[in-house]
Amino acid sequence: MQDHPIATTDIELGKRQLDKFGYTVHGSLISADEVARTRSRLEEQAALELEQGVASFRMANEITLGDRELGRPAHGALPAWQAILALPNKGCEFIDLAMNPVVAEYGRHLLGGVPFLWRSRRVS
């Protein structure tokens, strides 16, 4: 029995894997150049949020998500992880990824409806 998803470029198989495992691996989703640009922008945003004291992070010695801190770690300390919240607001690279037709199809499968309505109130 398969205990993890296999890499695929078949959206229907990807959807079944999402249902079964909670995630899928979609091969060749974006180009190497897009990966590099997105990663660069993510790293830049993370550094800026730390520098400006608005980062969402947790230090390595903390054990629960409730220990997440907002602001800036002590001088010279690096957080164990850092969350970059609201990515579509942080650069066109993230909007481009969200609007990728394959990503949008997976989003419709998981959340239903039209992407721009996923966070909107339902109008009767």
Protein backbone atom coordinates (compact mmCIF):
# COMPACT_ATOMS: atom_id res chain seq x y z
CA MET A 1 0.00 0.00 0.00
CA GLN A 2 1.26 3.44 -0.93
CA ASP A 3 2.04 5.53 2.19
CA HIS A 4 2.89 8.82 0.48
CA PRO A 5 2.01 10.56 -2.78
CA ILE A 6 4.09 10.01 -5.89
CA ALA A 7 5.22 12.92 -8.05
CA THR A 8 2.77 13.47 -10.89
CA THR A 9 1.80 15.91 -13.60
CA ASP A 10 -1.73 14.44 -13.74
CA ILE A 11 -4.09 16.85 -11.97
CA GLU A 12 -6.75 14.18 -11.38
CA LEU A 13 -4.20 11.89 -9.71
CA GLY A 14 -2.96 14.89 -7.75
CA LYS A 15 -6.51 15.55 -6.50
CA ARG A 16 -6.89 11.93 -5.39
CA GLN A 17 -3.57 12.19 -3.55
CA LEU A 18 -4.73 15.41 -1.89
CA ASP A 19 -7.83 13.60 -0.67
CA LYS A 20 -5.87 10.58 0.56
CA PHE A 21 -2.69 12.13 1.98
CA GLY A 22 -3.54 15.80 2.48
CA TYR A 23 -0.89 16.87 -0.03
CA THR A 24 0.43 16.05 -3.46
CA VAL A 25 3.69 16.51 -5.35
CA HIS A 26 3.07 18.05 -8.76
CA GLY A 27 6.14 17.76 -10.97
CA SER A 28 7.21 20.59 -13.26
CA LEU A 29 4.65 22.95 -11.76
CA ILE A 30 6.92 25.96 -12.16
CA SER A 31 10.24 26.51 -13.90
CA ALA A 32 13.62 26.58 -12.18
CA ASP A 33 13.72 30.33 -12.83
CA GLU A 34 10.32 30.80 -11.14
CA VAL A 35 11.51 28.74 -8.16
CA ALA A 36 14.64 30.91 -7.87
CA ARG A 37 12.70 34.19 -8.13
CA THR A 38 10.06 33.06 -5.61
CA ARG A 39 12.66 31.79 -3.16
CA SER A 40 14.68 35.00 -3.48
CA ARG A 41 11.60 37.12 -2.80
CA LEU A 42 10.61 34.92 0.17
CA GLU A 43 14.08 35.19 1.71
CA GLU A 44 14.11 38.95 1.11
CA GLN A 45 10.70 39.34 2.77
CA ALA A 46 11.74 37.20 5.75
CA ALA A 47 14.87 39.31 6.28
CA LEU A 48 12.90 42.56 5.98
CA GLU A 49 10.29 41.42 8.51
CA LEU A 50 13.02 40.44 10.99
CA GLU A 51 14.84 43.74 10.41
CA GLN A 52 11.66 45.79 10.87
CA GLY A 53 10.61 43.84 13.97
CA VAL A 54 7.34 42.54 12.52
CA ALA A 55 8.32 38.88 12.01
CA SER A 56 6.21 35.94 13.17
CA PHE A 57 8.67 33.34 14.51
CA ARG A 58 9.53 30.75 17.15
CA MET A 59 12.87 30.09 18.78
CA ALA A 60 14.33 26.56 18.85
CA ASN A 61 13.94 26.10 22.60
CA GLU A 62 10.17 26.65 22.54
CA ILE A 63 7.89 23.64 22.23
CA THR A 64 4.39 24.78 21.30
CA LEU A 65 2.88 26.89 18.58
CA GLY A 66 1.49 29.10 21.33
CA ASP A 67 5.08 30.17 21.99
CA ARG A 68 5.19 31.93 18.64
CA GLU A 69 6.55 35.43 18.94
CA LEU A 70 5.93 38.56 16.94
CA GLY A 71 8.67 41.10 16.48
CA ARG A 72 12.41 40.55 16.35
CA PRO A 73 14.58 37.86 17.99
CA ALA A 74 17.39 38.88 20.33
CA HIS A 75 20.46 40.29 18.59
CA GLY A 76 22.36 37.50 16.85
CA ALA A 77 19.69 34.84 17.48
CA LEU A 78 18.08 33.06 14.56
CA PRO A 79 14.55 31.69 14.90
CA ALA A 80 13.89 27.97 14.41
CA TRP A 81 11.21 28.94 11.91
CA GLN A 82 9.60 32.07 10.60
CA ALA A 83 6.17 32.43 9.03
CA ILE A 84 5.60 34.95 6.26
CA LEU A 85 1.91 35.79 6.54
CA ALA A 86 -0.40 36.84 3.68
CA LEU A 87 2.05 35.96 0.89
CA PRO A 88 -0.09 37.36 -1.96
CA ASN A 89 0.35 40.77 -0.32
CA LYS A 90 4.14 40.39 -0.33
CA GLY A 91 4.96 40.29 -4.03
CA CYS A 92 3.87 39.44 -7.55
CA GLU A 93 5.83 36.16 -7.38
CA PHE A 94 3.29 34.84 -4.87
CA ILE A 95 0.31 36.14 -6.83
CA ASP A 96 1.69 34.47 -9.96
CA LEU A 97 2.01 31.18 -8.08
CA ALA A 98 -1.52 31.43 -6.68
CA MET A 99 -2.89 32.20 -10.14
CA ASN A 100 -1.08 29.29 -11.79
CA PRO A 101 -3.87 27.27 -13.47
CA VAL A 102 -2.75 24.00 -11.83
CA VAL A 103 -2.56 25.59 -8.36
CA ALA A 104 -5.97 27.19 -8.94
CA GLU A 105 -7.43 23.81 -9.94
CA TYR A 106 -6.11 22.21 -6.76
CA GLY A 107 -7.53 25.15 -4.79
CA ARG A 108 -10.96 24.71 -6.36
CA HIS A 109 -10.79 21.01 -5.53
CA LEU A 110 -9.90 21.65 -1.89
CA LEU A 111 -11.95 24.77 -1.21
CA GLY A 112 -14.62 24.81 -3.89
CA GLY A 113 -15.76 27.84 -5.84
CA VAL A 114 -13.77 30.63 -7.38
CA PRO A 115 -10.38 31.57 -5.82
CA PHE A 116 -11.17 35.23 -5.14
CA LEU A 117 -14.26 34.17 -3.19
CA TRP A 118 -12.46 31.70 -0.92
CA ARG A 119 -11.99 34.32 1.78
CA SER A 120 -15.02 36.44 0.94
CA ARG A 121 -18.38 36.35 2.65
CA ARG A 122 -21.07 34.46 0.87
CA VAL A 123 -23.75 36.76 -0.51
CA SER A 124 -27.29 35.34 -0.42
